[in-house]
Every structure is written in C-alpha cells, then in structure tokens.
C-alpha atoms as a PDB file:
ATOM      1  CA  MET A   1      33.213  13.849 -45.722  1.00  0.00           C
ATOM      2  CA  LYS A   2      34.633  10.365 -46.294  1.00  0.00           C
ATOM      3  CA  HIS A   3      32.282   7.380 -46.067  1.00  0.00           C
ATOM      4  CA  LYS A   4      33.610   4.114 -44.706  1.00  0.00           C
ATOM      5  CA  ARG A   5      33.176   1.321 -47.215  1.00  0.00           C
ATOM      6  CA  LEU A   6      30.995  -1.454 -45.847  1.00  0.00           C
ATOM      7  CA  THR A   7      31.849  -5.108 -46.410  1.00  0.00           C
ATOM      8  CA  ARG A   8      28.923  -7.506 -46.119  1.00  0.00           C
ATOM      9  CA  ILE A   9      29.894 -11.129 -45.567  1.00  0.00           C
ATOM     10  CA  LEU A  10      27.884 -14.340 -45.407  1.00  0.00           C
ATOM     11  CA  ALA A  11      29.788 -17.034 -43.487  1.00  0.00           C
ATOM     12  CA  LEU A  12      28.704 -20.675 -43.483  1.00  0.00           C
ATOM     13  CA  ASP A  13      29.573 -23.656 -41.304  1.00  0.00           C
ATOM     14  CA  LEU A  14      28.670 -26.680 -43.422  1.00  0.00           C
ATOM     15  CA  HIS A  15      27.363 -30.059 -42.354  1.00  0.00           C
ATOM     16  CA  PRO A  16      25.961 -32.862 -44.580  1.00  0.00           C
ATOM     17  CA  ARG A  17      22.322 -31.865 -43.925  1.00  0.00           C
ATOM     18  CA  SER A  18      22.579 -28.364 -42.480  1.00  0.00           C
ATOM     19  CA  PHE A  19      24.596 -25.177 -42.249  1.00  0.00           C
ATOM     20  CA  GLY A  20      24.980 -22.500 -39.633  1.00  0.00           C
ATOM     21  CA  TYR A  21      25.244 -18.975 -40.973  1.00  0.00           C
ATOM     22  CA  VAL A  22      25.867 -15.368 -40.003  1.00  0.00           C
ATOM     23  CA  VAL A  23      25.655 -12.176 -42.032  1.00  0.00           C
ATOM     24  CA  VAL A  24      27.973  -9.435 -40.844  1.00  0.00           C
ATOM     25  CA  GLU A  25      28.730  -5.932 -42.057  1.00  0.00           C
ATOM     26  CA  ASN A  26      32.265  -4.941 -41.118  1.00  0.00           C
ATOM     27  CA  SER A  27      33.395  -6.274 -37.751  1.00  0.00           C
ATOM     28  CA  SER A  28      30.822  -4.673 -35.479  1.00  0.00           C
ATOM     29  CA  ARG A  29      27.420  -5.204 -37.083  1.00  0.00           C
ATOM     30  CA  LEU A  30      25.687  -8.574 -37.045  1.00  0.00           C
ATOM     31  CA  LEU A  31      22.705  -8.560 -39.402  1.00  0.00           C
ATOM     32  CA  ASP A  32      21.383 -12.120 -39.345  1.00  0.00           C
ATOM     33  CA  TRP A  33      22.203 -15.574 -37.988  1.00  0.00           C
ATOM     34  CA  GLY A  34      20.688 -19.020 -37.724  1.00  0.00           C
ATOM     35  CA  VAL A  35      20.814 -22.670 -38.747  1.00  0.00           C
ATOM     36  CA  SER A  36      19.206 -24.092 -41.880  1.00  0.00           C
ATOM     37  CA  SER A  37      18.627 -27.830 -42.046  1.00  0.00           C
ATOM     38  CA  TYR A  38      16.888 -30.459 -44.132  1.00  0.00           C
ATOM     39  CA  ARG A  39      16.063 -33.881 -42.662  1.00  0.00           C
ATOM     40  CA  GLY A  40      14.547 -35.431 -45.751  1.00  0.00           C
ATOM     41  CA  LYS A  41      15.892 -38.666 -47.165  1.00  0.00           C
ATOM     42  CA  HIS A  42      16.981 -37.448 -50.591  1.00  0.00           C
ATOM     43  CA  ASP A  43      18.988 -34.607 -52.154  1.00  0.00           C
ATOM     44  CA  ALA A  44      19.666 -32.537 -49.049  1.00  0.00           C
ATOM     45  CA  ALA A  45      22.349 -30.487 -50.831  1.00  0.00           C
ATOM     46  CA  ASN A  46      19.973 -29.353 -53.579  1.00  0.00           C
ATOM     47  CA  VAL A  47      17.243 -28.385 -51.098  1.00  0.00           C
ATOM     48  CA  LEU A  48      19.656 -26.466 -48.848  1.00  0.00           C
ATOM     49  CA  VAL A  49      21.061 -24.500 -51.773  1.00  0.00           C
ATOM     50  CA  CYS A  50      17.824 -23.871 -53.682  1.00  0.00           C
ATOM     51  CA  LYS A  51      15.451 -23.194 -50.783  1.00  0.00           C
ATOM     52  CA  ARG A  52      17.728 -21.921 -48.008  1.00  0.00           C
ATOM     53  CA  LEU A  53      20.931 -20.420 -49.388  1.00  0.00           C
ATOM     54  CA  ARG A  54      19.341 -18.602 -52.311  1.00  0.00           C
ATOM     55  CA  GLN A  55      16.937 -16.843 -49.949  1.00  0.00           C
ATOM     56  CA  LEU A  56      19.881 -15.537 -47.912  1.00  0.00           C
ATOM     57  CA  LEU A  57      21.752 -14.403 -51.021  1.00  0.00           C
ATOM     58  CA  ASP A  58      18.670 -12.640 -52.419  1.00  0.00           C
ATOM     59  CA  LEU A  59      17.885 -10.967 -49.108  1.00  0.00           C
ATOM     60  CA  TRP A  60      21.335  -9.766 -48.042  1.00  0.00           C
ATOM     61  CA  ARG A  61      23.327  -9.647 -51.308  1.00  0.00           C
ATOM     62  CA  PRO A  62      26.722 -10.256 -49.681  1.00  0.00           C
ATOM     63  CA  ALA A  63      29.970  -9.214 -51.325  1.00  0.00           C
ATOM     64  CA  ALA A  64      31.751 -12.351 -50.119  1.00  0.00           C
ATOM     65  CA  LEU A  65      31.006 -15.880 -48.966  1.00  0.00           C
ATOM     66  CA  VAL A  66      33.259 -17.385 -46.298  1.00  0.00           C
ATOM     67  CA  LEU A  67      33.656 -21.147 -45.910  1.00  0.00           C
ATOM     68  CA  HIS A  68      36.069 -23.707 -44.494  1.00  0.00           C
ATOM     69  CA  ASN A  69      38.390 -24.768 -47.346  1.00  0.00           C
ATOM     70  CA  PRO A  70      36.073 -23.872 -50.269  1.00  0.00           C
ATOM     71  CA  VAL A  71      38.331 -25.512 -52.871  1.00  0.00           C
ATOM     72  CA  LYS A  72      39.913 -28.466 -51.070  1.00  0.00           C
ATOM     73  CA  LYS A  73      37.636 -31.259 -49.983  1.00  0.00           C
ATOM     74  CA  SER A  74      37.861 -32.672 -46.478  1.00  0.00           C
ATOM     75  CA  PRO A  75      40.413 -35.494 -45.980  1.00  0.00           C
ATOM     76  CA  ARG A  76      37.671 -37.796 -44.707  1.00  0.00           C
ATOM     77  CA  PRO A  77      35.305 -38.918 -47.475  1.00  0.00           C
ATOM     78  CA  ASN A  78      31.913 -37.296 -47.005  1.00  0.00           C
ATOM     79  CA  PRO A  79      30.048 -37.290 -50.324  1.00  0.00           C
ATOM     80  CA  LYS A  80      27.000 -35.429 -48.975  1.00  0.00           C
ATOM     81  CA  LYS A  81      29.055 -32.589 -47.521  1.00  0.00           C
ATOM     82  CA  ASP A  82      31.296 -32.418 -50.592  1.00  0.00           C
ATOM     83  CA  ARG A  83      28.260 -32.203 -52.882  1.00  0.00           C
ATOM     84  CA  LEU A  84      26.787 -29.425 -50.737  1.00  0.00           C
ATOM     85  CA  LEU A  85      30.123 -27.581 -50.839  1.00  0.00           C
ATOM     86  CA  GLU A  86      30.359 -27.838 -54.620  1.00  0.00           C
ATOM     87  CA  GLN A  87      26.809 -26.575 -55.151  1.00  0.00           C
ATOM     88  CA  ILE A  88      27.308 -23.623 -52.792  1.00  0.00           C
ATOM     89  CA  VAL A  89      30.536 -22.549 -54.507  1.00  0.00           C
ATOM     90  CA  THR A  90      28.882 -22.885 -57.924  1.00  0.00           C
ATOM     91  CA  GLU A  91      25.898 -20.789 -56.791  1.00  0.00           C
ATOM     92  CA  ALA A  92      28.185 -18.081 -55.389  1.00  0.00           C
ATOM     93  CA  LYS A  93      30.293 -17.892 -58.543  1.00  0.00           C
ATOM     94  CA  SER A  94      27.184 -17.681 -60.727  1.00  0.00           C
ATOM     95  CA  ARG A  95      26.277 -14.516 -58.795  1.00  0.00           C
ATOM     96  CA  ARG A  96      29.854 -13.182 -58.945  1.00  0.00           C
ATOM     97  CA  ILE A  97      30.244 -13.458 -55.183  1.00  0.00           C
ATOM     98  CA  MET A  98      33.804 -13.952 -53.983  1.00  0.00           C
ATOM     99  CA  VAL A  99      34.453 -17.143 -52.011  1.00  0.00           C
ATOM    100  CA  HIS A 100      37.054 -17.032 -49.219  1.00  0.00           C
ATOM    101  CA  ALA A 101      38.571 -19.270 -46.564  1.00  0.00           C
ATOM    102  CA  PRO A 102      40.348 -17.429 -43.715  1.00  0.00           C
ATOM    103  CA  VAL A 103      44.087 -18.092 -43.690  1.00  0.00           C
ATOM    104  CA  GLU A 104      44.429 -17.813 -39.926  1.00  0.00           C
ATOM    105  CA  SER A 105      42.694 -20.213 -37.600  1.00  0.00           C
ATOM    106  CA  SER A 106      39.649 -18.811 -35.828  1.00  0.00           C
ATOM    107  CA  ALA A 107      40.683 -20.855 -32.777  1.00  0.00           C
ATOM    108  CA  ASP A 108      44.104 -19.207 -32.509  1.00  0.00           C
ATOM    109  CA  TYR A 109      43.819 -16.502 -29.872  1.00  0.00           C
ATOM    110  CA  LYS A 110      46.807 -14.707 -28.307  1.00  0.00           C
ATOM    111  CA  GLY A 111      49.127 -17.626 -28.928  1.00  0.00           C
ATOM    112  CA  LYS A 112      46.931 -20.374 -27.503  1.00  0.00           C
ATOM    113  CA  ILE A 113      44.491 -22.802 -29.044  1.00  0.00           C
ATOM    114  CA  LEU A 114      40.959 -22.415 -27.760  1.00  0.00           C
ATOM    115  CA  THR A 115      38.402 -25.170 -27.483  1.00  0.00           C
ATOM    116  CA  LYS A 116      35.292 -24.889 -29.604  1.00  0.00           C
ATOM    117  CA  TYR A 117      33.259 -23.728 -26.609  1.00  0.00           C
ATOM    118  CA  GLU A 118      35.894 -21.156 -25.577  1.00  0.00           C
ATOM    119  CA  ASN A 119      35.945 -19.853 -29.112  1.00  0.00           C
ATOM    120  CA  ALA A 120      32.130 -19.586 -29.071  1.00  0.00           C
ATOM    121  CA  ARG A 121      32.291 -17.566 -25.858  1.00  0.00           C
ATOM    122  CA  ARG A 122      34.785 -15.202 -27.487  1.00  0.00           C
ATOM    123  CA  VAL A 123      32.373 -14.752 -30.395  1.00  0.00           C
ATOM    124  CA  ALA A 124      29.535 -13.992 -27.945  1.00  0.00           C
ATOM    125  CA  GLU A 125      31.717 -11.348 -26.270  1.00  0.00           C
ATOM    126  CA  HIS A 126      32.281  -9.706 -29.640  1.00  0.00           C
ATOM    127  CA  PHE A 127      28.596  -9.943 -30.624  1.00  0.00           C
ATOM    128  CA  PRO A 128      26.672  -9.717 -27.307  1.00  0.00           C
ATOM    129  CA  VAL A 129      23.353 -10.369 -29.061  1.00  0.00           C
ATOM    130  CA  LEU A 130      24.511 -13.967 -29.552  1.00  0.00           C
ATOM    131  CA  THR A 131      24.922 -14.576 -25.819  1.00  0.00           C
ATOM    132  CA  ARG A 132      21.378 -15.960 -25.538  1.00  0.00           C
ATOM    133  CA  GLU A 133      22.137 -18.389 -28.389  1.00  0.00           C
ATOM    134  CA  LEU A 134      25.208 -19.868 -26.682  1.00  0.00           C
ATOM    135  CA  PRO A 135      24.461 -23.473 -25.639  1.00  0.00           C
ATOM    136  CA  PRO A 136      25.708 -24.797 -22.289  1.00  0.00           C
ATOM    137  CA  LYS A 137      29.098 -26.463 -22.303  1.00  0.00           C
ATOM    138  CA  ARG A 138      28.564 -30.046 -23.345  1.00  0.00           C
ATOM    139  CA  GLN A 139      29.771 -33.092 -21.493  1.00  0.00           C
ATOM    140  CA  ILE A 140      31.946 -35.736 -23.130  1.00  0.00           C
ATOM    141  CA  TRP A 141      29.023 -38.110 -23.681  1.00  0.00           C
ATOM    142  CA  GLN A 142      26.760 -35.441 -25.195  1.00  0.00           C
ATOM    143  CA  SER A 143      26.504 -34.591 -28.888  1.00  0.00           C
ATOM    144  CA  GLU A 144      27.212 -31.083 -30.022  1.00  0.00           C
ATOM    145  CA  HIS A 145      24.294 -28.654 -29.885  1.00  0.00           C
ATOM    146  CA  TYR A 146      23.127 -27.564 -33.327  1.00  0.00           C
ATOM    147  CA  ARG A 147      23.447 -23.858 -32.407  1.00  0.00           C
ATOM    148  CA  MET A 148      27.226 -24.191 -32.086  1.00  0.00           C
ATOM    149  CA  SER A 149      27.254 -24.010 -35.875  1.00  0.00           C
ATOM    150  CA  ILE A 150      26.241 -20.333 -35.625  1.00  0.00           C
ATOM    151  CA  PHE A 151      29.329 -19.541 -33.564  1.00  0.00           C
ATOM    152  CA  THR A 152      31.628 -21.442 -35.896  1.00  0.00           C
ATOM    153  CA  ALA A 153      30.267 -19.398 -38.805  1.00  0.00           C
ATOM    154  CA  ALA A 154      30.678 -16.166 -36.826  1.00  0.00           C
ATOM    155  CA  ALA A 155      34.294 -17.070 -36.000  1.00  0.00           C
ATOM    156  CA  LEU A 156      34.935 -17.611 -39.723  1.00  0.00           C
ATOM    157  CA  ALA A 157      33.519 -14.166 -40.518  1.00  0.00           C
ATOM    158  CA  MET A 158      35.616 -12.529 -37.793  1.00  0.00           C
ATOM    159  CA  ALA A 159      38.784 -14.228 -39.043  1.00  0.00           C
ATOM    160  CA  GLN A 160      38.095 -13.131 -42.621  1.00  0.00           C
ATOM    161  CA  LEU A 161      37.412  -9.520 -41.618  1.00  0.00           C
ATOM    162  CA  HIS A 162      40.558  -9.456 -39.486  1.00  0.00           C
ATOM    163  CA  ALA A 163      42.653 -10.857 -42.342  1.00  0.00           C
ATOM    164  CA  LYS A 164      41.169  -8.319 -44.768  1.00  0.00           C
ATOM    165  CA  SER A 165      41.870  -5.349 -42.502  1.00  0.00           C
ATOM    166  CA  ALA A 166      45.410  -6.541 -41.771  1.00  0.00           C
ATOM    167  CA  SER A 167      46.219  -6.985 -45.466  1.00  0.00           C
ATOM    168  CA  THR A 168      44.926  -3.560 -46.548  1.00  0.00           C
ATOM    169  CA  PRO A 169      47.954  -1.252 -46.866  1.00  0.00           C
ATOM    170  CA  ALA A 170      47.831   2.377 -45.876  1.00  0.00           C
ATOM    171  CA  MET A 171      47.616   4.813 -48.789  1.00  0.00           C
ATOM    172  CA  PRO A 172      51.024   6.426 -49.382  1.00  0.00           C
ATOM    173  CA  LYS A 173      51.248  10.168 -49.165  1.00  0.00           C
ATOM    174  CA  ARG A 174      51.440  11.836 -52.537  1.00  0.00           C
ATOM    175  CA  ARG A 175      54.665  13.699 -53.117  1.00  0.00           C
ATOM    176  CA  PRO A 176      54.209  17.312 -54.183  1.00  0.00           C
ATOM    177  CA  ARG A 177      55.309  18.157 -57.704  1.00  0.00           C
ATOM    178  CA  MET A 178      58.384  20.293 -57.902  1.00  0.00           C
ATOM    179  CA  ALA A 179      57.951  23.327 -60.069  1.00  0.00           C
ATOM    180  CA  LEU A 180      60.882  23.778 -62.392  1.00  0.00           C
ATOM    181  CA  ALA A 181      61.590  26.898 -64.332  1.00  0.00           C
ATOM    182  CA  SER A 182      61.077  26.101 -67.978  1.00  0.00           C
ATOM    183  CA  SER A 183      64.102  28.160 -68.926  1.00  0.00           C
ATOM    184  CA  ARG A 184      66.433  26.037 -66.722  1.00  0.00           C
ATOM    185  CA  ARG A 185      64.783  22.652 -67.211  1.00  0.00           C
ATOM    186  CA  LYS A 186      66.981  20.308 -69.172  1.00  0.00           C
ATOM    187  CA  LYS A 187      65.003  17.923 -71.350  1.00  0.00           C
ATOM    188  CA  LEU A 188      66.001  14.274 -70.939  1.00  0.00           C
ATOM    189  CA  PRO A 189      65.164  11.401 -73.307  1.00  0.00           C
ATOM    190  CA  ASP A 190      62.914   9.750 -70.713  1.00  0.00           C
ATOM    191  CA  ASP A 191      61.507  13.022 -69.358  1.00  0.00           C
ATOM    192  CA  ARG A 192      57.884  12.230 -70.309  1.00  0.00           C
ATOM    193  CA  ARG A 193      57.934   8.848 -68.573  1.00  0.00           C
ATOM    194  CA  PHE A 194      59.494  10.342 -65.420  1.00  0.00           C
ATOM    195  CA  SER A 195      56.907  13.096 -65.128  1.00  0.00           C
ATOM    196  CA  GLU A 196      53.993  10.632 -65.425  1.00  0.00           C
ATOM    197  CA  SER A 197      55.329   8.388 -62.669  1.00  0.00           C
ATOM    198  CA  ILE A 198      55.497  11.124 -60.003  1.00  0.00           C
END
C-alpha cells in the first residue's frame, strides 16, 4: 500500500506590525489560521518572530515557509516590514525550512484578475471553514479588515501547492531488461556502462 506524502506549509502575509498565517497540509487540509500582531512602540519585528512565529514553527514543524518575494524587498521603502522579512527568513533557514514565493499570481484565476475580496471568496470556497472569517466587502472609504490577511496567506499556500503539483513529473515506466543468451552476446567496449544505464 502506497502512502501519499504530506506537505505541510506555513504561509505568511506580512505587514509592518502583524502577519496573517495559515498552516495547510496538502491542498485539502487546513490545520491552523489567524493573525498575529504587536502594537508596542519598539522592535515589533523581534517580538513577532520570537514570540509569535517561533511558537508556530515549534507547534507545526512545517516543511516550507511561503512568503511574498522572500528575497527581493518591496519597491516602496518600508524599513519595519523589511526588517521583519529578514528576521523571518533567517529564522526559517536556521531551522532548515525551505522558503518559497509562488511564481504564479494567486489573483490570476481562469484568465482574469480577481479583486482581493473575490480572491478571498475563492479561498473560502476551497476551505469552507474560513467562510465565517470572511469580512464583509469593504467600501472605498473603509480600511481593510485585519482578517483579510488570513485569506491572502491562504491564497499564497494554494498557489505554492498548485505550482508544486504542476512541476512534479510523472515517474517514467521502467523498461524491462532484455535477456540475451550469453553465447550470442557480443561484448562491446562500453558494454558495462550501457547495462548500468538501462
């Protein structure tokens, strides 16, 4: 009996003083989700990493961490967010956790670009347990609800899992060895190398 290999992913949507997160196992199992924040005046990045992120890593032990652009910094200067990003990547690498950024856009769906709210609804359809977390659609004058960060993180995880499954090639069928009669087999100079490559 073959066992399907499970891939546990922690996806983060980073902000200067908070991050939304989801922990997923393969594409169908959502293990944990939420928003961690720190509203203190000093060293938000250090607090978020030491007191929030490390707890998640210790609890769930993910195989991969998914972020937006983990290597490249954002084009707009944001020292607080950049410092948080650097500390998170350093913490992940110290634990030998792979850090990924999905190649495809999580907002690209069947050839059209979805709004952030439409993308969140698509995430809720995939993970129905998140339906109760979905905030109402905001008006132009309203600020974004903090729980939207959960759906952004979930979309990142979905995009990474989709990219991983699409890039995994099927195992080729092994060709049967052809039995040759030793009396008729002609020995070639590269015969040993040929037999090992079959």
